[in-house]
Protein backbone atom coordinates (compact mmCIF):
# COMPACT_ATOMS: atom_id res chain seq x y z
CA MET A 1 -24.17 -22.92 2.00
CA SER A 2 -21.15 -24.47 0.69
CA ALA A 3 -18.02 -24.57 2.68
CA SER A 4 -16.51 -21.97 1.17
CA LYS A 5 -19.38 -19.89 1.05
CA GLY A 6 -19.66 -20.74 5.58
CA ILE A 7 -15.60 -19.83 5.38
CA ASP A 8 -15.99 -16.50 3.63
CA THR A 9 -19.07 -15.49 5.78
CA ILE A 10 -17.29 -16.82 9.20
CA ALA A 11 -13.93 -14.54 8.45
CA SER A 12 -15.99 -11.07 7.79
CA TRP A 13 -17.43 -11.69 10.78
CA LEU A 14 -14.28 -12.45 12.72
CA LEU A 15 -13.10 -8.99 10.34
CA GLU A 16 -15.13 -7.06 12.15
CA ALA A 17 -15.57 -8.58 15.85
CA ARG A 18 -14.13 -6.99 19.21
CA SER A 19 -14.68 -9.93 21.61
CA VAL A 20 -14.60 -13.93 19.99
CA VAL A 21 -15.88 -16.58 22.12
CA VAL A 22 -15.21 -20.27 21.08
CA LEU A 23 -15.80 -23.22 22.77
CA THR A 24 -14.71 -26.79 22.30
CA GLY A 25 -15.02 -29.81 23.08
CA ALA A 26 -13.80 -33.85 22.93
CA GLY A 27 -13.60 -33.57 19.25
CA VAL A 28 -10.89 -31.32 19.12
CA SER A 29 -8.89 -33.77 20.99
CA ALA A 30 -9.84 -36.46 19.24
CA GLU A 31 -8.10 -34.88 15.88
CA SER A 32 -5.05 -35.53 17.98
CA GLY A 33 -5.52 -39.07 18.71
CA LEU A 34 -6.93 -38.28 22.45
CA SER A 35 -9.95 -40.77 22.74
CA THR A 36 -13.03 -39.54 24.04
CA PHE A 37 -15.08 -40.63 27.33
CA ARG A 38 -16.96 -42.60 24.43
CA ASP A 39 -14.70 -44.45 22.66
CA LYS A 40 -14.05 -47.80 24.04
CA GLU A 41 -10.77 -47.87 26.17
CA GLU A 42 -7.42 -50.00 25.67
CA GLY A 43 -5.66 -53.24 26.89
CA LEU A 44 -6.61 -53.35 30.98
CA TRP A 45 -8.70 -50.26 31.08
CA ALA A 46 -11.71 -51.83 27.79
CA LYS A 47 -13.09 -53.50 31.08
CA TYR A 48 -13.71 -50.39 32.69
CA ASP A 49 -16.73 -47.89 32.31
CA PRO A 50 -15.49 -44.39 32.20
CA MET A 51 -18.57 -42.78 33.40
CA GLU A 52 -18.07 -44.96 36.36
CA LEU A 53 -14.96 -43.96 36.78
CA ALA A 54 -14.60 -40.58 36.59
CA THR A 55 -17.22 -39.93 39.69
CA ILE A 56 -16.29 -38.97 43.52
CA GLY A 57 -17.28 -42.35 44.84
CA ALA A 58 -15.03 -44.36 42.89
CA PHE A 59 -12.47 -42.51 44.37
CA GLU A 60 -13.76 -42.93 47.27
CA ARG A 61 -14.35 -46.96 47.09
CA ASP A 62 -11.07 -47.70 44.92
CA PRO A 63 -8.28 -44.66 45.20
CA GLU A 64 -5.73 -46.32 43.93
CA LEU A 65 -8.01 -47.67 40.56
CA VAL A 66 -9.45 -44.17 39.48
CA THR A 67 -5.76 -42.49 40.46
CA ARG A 68 -3.74 -44.82 38.00
CA TRP A 69 -6.82 -44.57 35.52
CA TYR A 70 -5.96 -40.37 34.92
CA HIS A 71 -2.25 -40.91 35.45
CA TRP A 72 -3.06 -43.22 32.13
CA ARG A 73 -4.85 -40.73 30.48
CA PHE A 74 -2.78 -38.12 31.31
CA THR A 75 0.12 -40.32 29.39
CA LYS A 76 -2.17 -40.51 26.76
CA ALA A 77 -2.57 -36.43 26.75
CA LYS A 78 1.43 -36.00 27.51
CA ASP A 79 2.10 -38.36 24.30
CA VAL A 80 -0.20 -36.60 21.77
CA GLN A 81 0.12 -33.53 19.97
CA PRO A 82 -1.64 -30.78 19.28
CA ASN A 83 -3.68 -30.60 16.05
CA PRO A 84 -3.57 -28.02 13.14
CA GLY A 85 -7.03 -26.70 14.62
CA HIS A 86 -5.79 -26.28 18.05
CA ARG A 87 -2.83 -24.10 16.13
CA ALA A 88 -5.22 -22.10 13.83
CA LEU A 89 -7.38 -20.88 17.24
CA ALA A 90 -4.31 -19.92 18.68
CA GLU A 91 -3.05 -17.77 15.46
CA MET A 92 -6.82 -16.17 15.39
CA GLU A 93 -6.32 -15.28 19.10
CA SER A 94 -3.09 -13.45 18.36
CA TRP A 95 -4.34 -12.41 15.23
CA LEU A 96 -7.39 -10.40 17.28
CA VAL A 97 -4.93 -9.49 20.40
CA ASP A 98 -3.34 -7.55 18.20
CA ARG A 99 -5.98 -5.37 16.95
CA HIS A 100 -8.02 -5.54 19.97
CA GLY A 101 -6.25 -5.85 23.33
CA ASP A 102 -6.26 -9.11 25.33
CA HIS A 103 -9.72 -9.60 26.00
CA ALA A 104 -10.71 -10.10 22.09
CA MET A 105 -11.42 -14.10 22.50
CA THR A 106 -11.26 -16.41 24.92
CA VAL A 107 -11.42 -20.10 24.74
CA ILE A 108 -14.01 -22.09 26.79
CA THR A 109 -13.34 -25.77 26.73
CA GLN A 110 -14.20 -29.02 27.67
CA ASN A 111 -11.22 -30.47 27.30
CA ILE A 112 -9.27 -31.16 30.35
CA ASP A 113 -5.82 -32.41 28.28
CA GLY A 114 -4.47 -28.84 27.87
CA LEU A 115 -3.94 -29.48 24.21
CA HIS A 116 -4.92 -25.76 23.46
CA GLN A 117 -2.42 -24.48 25.90
CA ARG A 118 0.52 -26.49 24.45
CA GLY A 119 -1.16 -25.47 20.54
CA GLY A 120 -0.39 -21.89 21.34
CA SER A 121 -3.96 -20.53 23.05
CA ARG A 122 -3.18 -18.19 26.04
CA ARG A 123 -6.80 -16.82 27.08
CA VAL A 124 -8.38 -20.26 28.18
CA ILE A 125 -11.14 -21.25 30.42
CA GLU A 126 -11.23 -24.97 31.54
CA ILE A 127 -13.98 -25.44 33.09
CA HIS A 128 -14.12 -29.44 33.52
CA GLY A 129 -10.74 -28.68 34.77
CA SER A 130 -7.38 -29.32 34.21
CA ILE A 131 -5.78 -32.75 34.09
CA HIS A 132 -2.61 -31.37 34.56
CA ARG A 133 -3.01 -29.86 38.21
CA TRP A 134 -4.55 -31.93 41.27
CA ARG A 135 -5.40 -31.52 44.70
CA CYS A 136 -5.05 -32.40 48.25
CA THR A 137 -8.44 -33.86 49.37
CA LYS A 138 -8.60 -32.40 52.75
CA THR A 139 -7.00 -29.19 52.58
CA GLY A 140 -8.27 -28.44 48.72
CA GLU A 141 -4.40 -27.29 48.20
CA GLU A 142 -3.79 -27.83 44.70
CA ARG A 143 -0.31 -28.66 42.77
CA PRO A 144 1.17 -29.20 39.25
CA LEU A 145 1.20 -32.79 38.26
CA ALA A 146 4.74 -32.49 37.11
CA GLU A 147 5.12 -32.13 41.27
CA LEU A 148 4.04 -35.42 41.77
CA ARG A 149 5.53 -38.93 41.62
CA PHE A 150 3.29 -41.62 40.72
CA ASP A 151 5.58 -44.14 42.27
CA ALA A 152 2.45 -45.28 44.44
CA PHE A 153 -1.01 -45.22 44.12
CA PRO A 154 -3.36 -43.45 45.60
CA ILE A 155 -0.58 -40.69 45.90
CA PRO A 156 -0.92 -39.06 49.19
CA SER A 157 -0.82 -35.51 50.56
CA ALA A 158 1.30 -34.10 52.39
CA HIS A 159 -1.82 -32.45 54.63
CA GLY A 160 -2.72 -36.47 55.45
CA GLY A 161 -4.99 -36.38 52.43
CA LEU A 162 -5.06 -37.95 48.91
CA MET A 163 -4.39 -36.32 45.67
CA ARG A 164 -6.68 -36.21 43.19
CA PRO A 165 -6.98 -34.64 39.62
CA CYS A 166 -8.20 -31.03 39.64
CA VAL A 167 -11.08 -32.09 36.98
CA VAL A 168 -14.67 -31.79 37.30
CA TRP A 169 -16.27 -35.77 37.92
CA PHE A 170 -19.78 -36.32 37.10
CA GLY A 171 -22.03 -34.86 39.78
CA GLU A 172 -19.85 -32.63 40.65
CA MET A 173 -20.35 -28.48 40.40
CA LEU A 174 -18.36 -27.12 37.85
CA PRO A 175 -15.32 -23.96 38.92
CA PRO A 176 -17.54 -21.14 40.17
CA GLU A 177 -14.73 -18.89 38.47
CA ALA A 178 -14.46 -20.59 35.21
CA LEU A 179 -18.49 -20.25 35.19
CA GLU A 180 -17.93 -16.84 35.87
CA ALA A 181 -14.90 -15.76 33.49
CA SER A 182 -16.95 -17.82 30.97
CA PHE A 183 -20.43 -15.91 31.08
CA ALA A 184 -18.13 -12.48 31.45
CA ALA A 185 -16.73 -13.31 27.84
CA LEU A 186 -19.57 -14.58 26.48
CA GLN A 187 -22.12 -11.83 27.67
CA ARG A 188 -19.68 -8.82 25.58
CA CYS A 189 -18.53 -11.30 22.85
CA GLU A 190 -19.59 -11.08 18.87
CA VAL A 191 -18.89 -14.16 17.22
CA PHE A 192 -19.20 -17.55 18.93
CA LEU A 193 -18.18 -20.73 17.50
CA SER A 194 -18.81 -23.89 18.63
CA ILE A 195 -16.36 -26.68 17.68
CA GLY A 196 -16.07 -30.50 18.18
CA THR A 197 -18.90 -30.34 20.85
CA SER A 198 -22.17 -31.94 20.74
CA GLY A 199 -23.54 -29.18 22.56
CA VAL A 200 -25.50 -30.85 25.08
CA VAL A 201 -23.96 -31.01 28.49
CA GLN A 202 -25.00 -28.46 30.56
CA PRO A 203 -24.19 -25.77 31.83
CA ALA A 204 -21.80 -25.64 27.53
CA ALA A 205 -25.25 -26.19 26.10
CA SER A 206 -26.86 -22.76 27.35
CA PHE A 207 -23.57 -20.91 26.26
CA ILE A 208 -24.94 -20.71 22.99
CA GLU A 209 -27.68 -19.10 23.65
CA ILE A 210 -26.12 -16.50 26.27
CA ALA A 211 -24.35 -15.36 23.36
CA ARG A 212 -26.86 -15.11 20.60
CA GLU A 213 -29.34 -12.91 23.85
CA ALA A 214 -25.96 -10.53 23.54
CA GLY A 215 -26.14 -10.34 19.96
CA ALA A 216 -23.42 -12.29 18.93
CA ARG A 217 -23.24 -14.51 15.34
CA THR A 218 -22.93 -17.92 15.44
CA ALA A 219 -21.47 -20.93 14.18
CA GLU A 220 -20.56 -24.36 14.79
CA ILE A 221 -17.97 -26.58 13.51
CA ASN A 222 -18.47 -30.19 13.79
CA LYS A 223 -18.02 -33.30 11.82
CA GLU A 224 -21.90 -33.97 12.07
CA THR A 225 -24.94 -32.35 12.90
CA THR A 226 -26.13 -31.51 16.46
CA PRO A 227 -29.11 -30.51 18.63
CA ASN A 228 -27.58 -26.63 17.56
CA THR A 229 -26.82 -27.24 13.56
CA ASP A 230 -30.64 -26.10 12.97
CA SER A 231 -30.20 -22.38 14.79
CA VAL A 232 -26.94 -21.15 13.95
CA GLU A 233 -26.44 -18.98 11.52
CA VAL A 234 -23.89 -20.99 9.20
CA ALA A 235 -22.87 -24.40 10.43
CA LEU A 236 -19.76 -26.04 8.91
CA PHE A 237 -19.19 -30.43 8.59
CA GLY A 238 -15.67 -31.79 9.26
CA GLN A 239 -12.62 -31.78 10.96
CA SER A 240 -11.42 -27.96 12.57
CA GLY A 241 -7.79 -29.54 11.85
CA GLN A 242 -8.78 -28.64 8.40
CA ILE A 243 -11.58 -25.46 8.72
CA LEU A 244 -9.85 -23.85 10.90
CA PRO A 245 -6.85 -22.54 8.32
CA ALA A 246 -8.53 -22.36 5.68
CA LEU A 247 -10.76 -19.99 7.47
CA MET A 248 -7.46 -18.00 9.22
CA ALA A 249 -6.01 -17.73 5.88
CA ARG A 250 -8.60 -16.40 4.37
CA VAL A 251 -9.20 -13.78 7.51
CA ARG A 252 -5.37 -12.93 6.75
CA GLU A 253 -6.72 -12.71 2.87
CA LEU A 254 -9.55 -10.29 3.60
CA ALA A 255 -7.32 -8.55 6.02
CA ALA A 256 -5.04 -7.77 4.24
CA ASP A 257 -7.28 -5.66 1.32
CA ALA A 258 -9.30 -3.56 5.08
CA PRO A 259 -7.93 -1.72 7.89
CA ALA A 260 -8.58 -2.70 10.67
CA ARG A 261 -11.44 -1.76 12.80
CA ASP A 262 -10.45 1.15 15.65
CA THR A 263 -10.37 -0.11 19.31
């Protein structure tokens, strides 16, 4: 299927859908210039393996090192900007919400950088947590990163513990409330879009099957093939920052000639 035909097909689905779920991964953030875990780190951090730093064991062994690394990652995330793909998803949400109400679109993201929210998306489920919130290792009390002072590493909490980022480290369970909200959205969705993710990390890898079992149409937007490419109805290859704006432009063209479905 050609790119233009694929965009037309997905646009026609969105025109009819009352509920859309979008799953995003590191590829979306990479288009803003944010490195992924599989990219080589820079400068001081080039000698460290991110897979080894992102564990509770690493934090317990060397909390200063891990805290400094996550502070560096936050600084990198703060310095980049949402790209046209982020903004197109926010536009998609606004368009669907205007037609069908607040639950018409949900973004489930594996990214921890907050770029979807900065790009304008409102209904975002962060299944791997957020680098913008930190919590006390002793009480679990969360605080926004903006309230923390990074003049000492590691950061002591007010309760005798240490502050750690509210991200899901390797070997940790995903937040139950985020999973519950994700499953609820998937079970009612009519269109499922997988964008910028390889689709191999569980439990996100199973989301497309849950959506398909609920009767959703499925599509993938990615720079290269993934294990899901052969099973989705539409696969588009390229940058989401180019494809998504084109998709929304086509949606608005079709919408101009077709009345909205009743909610």
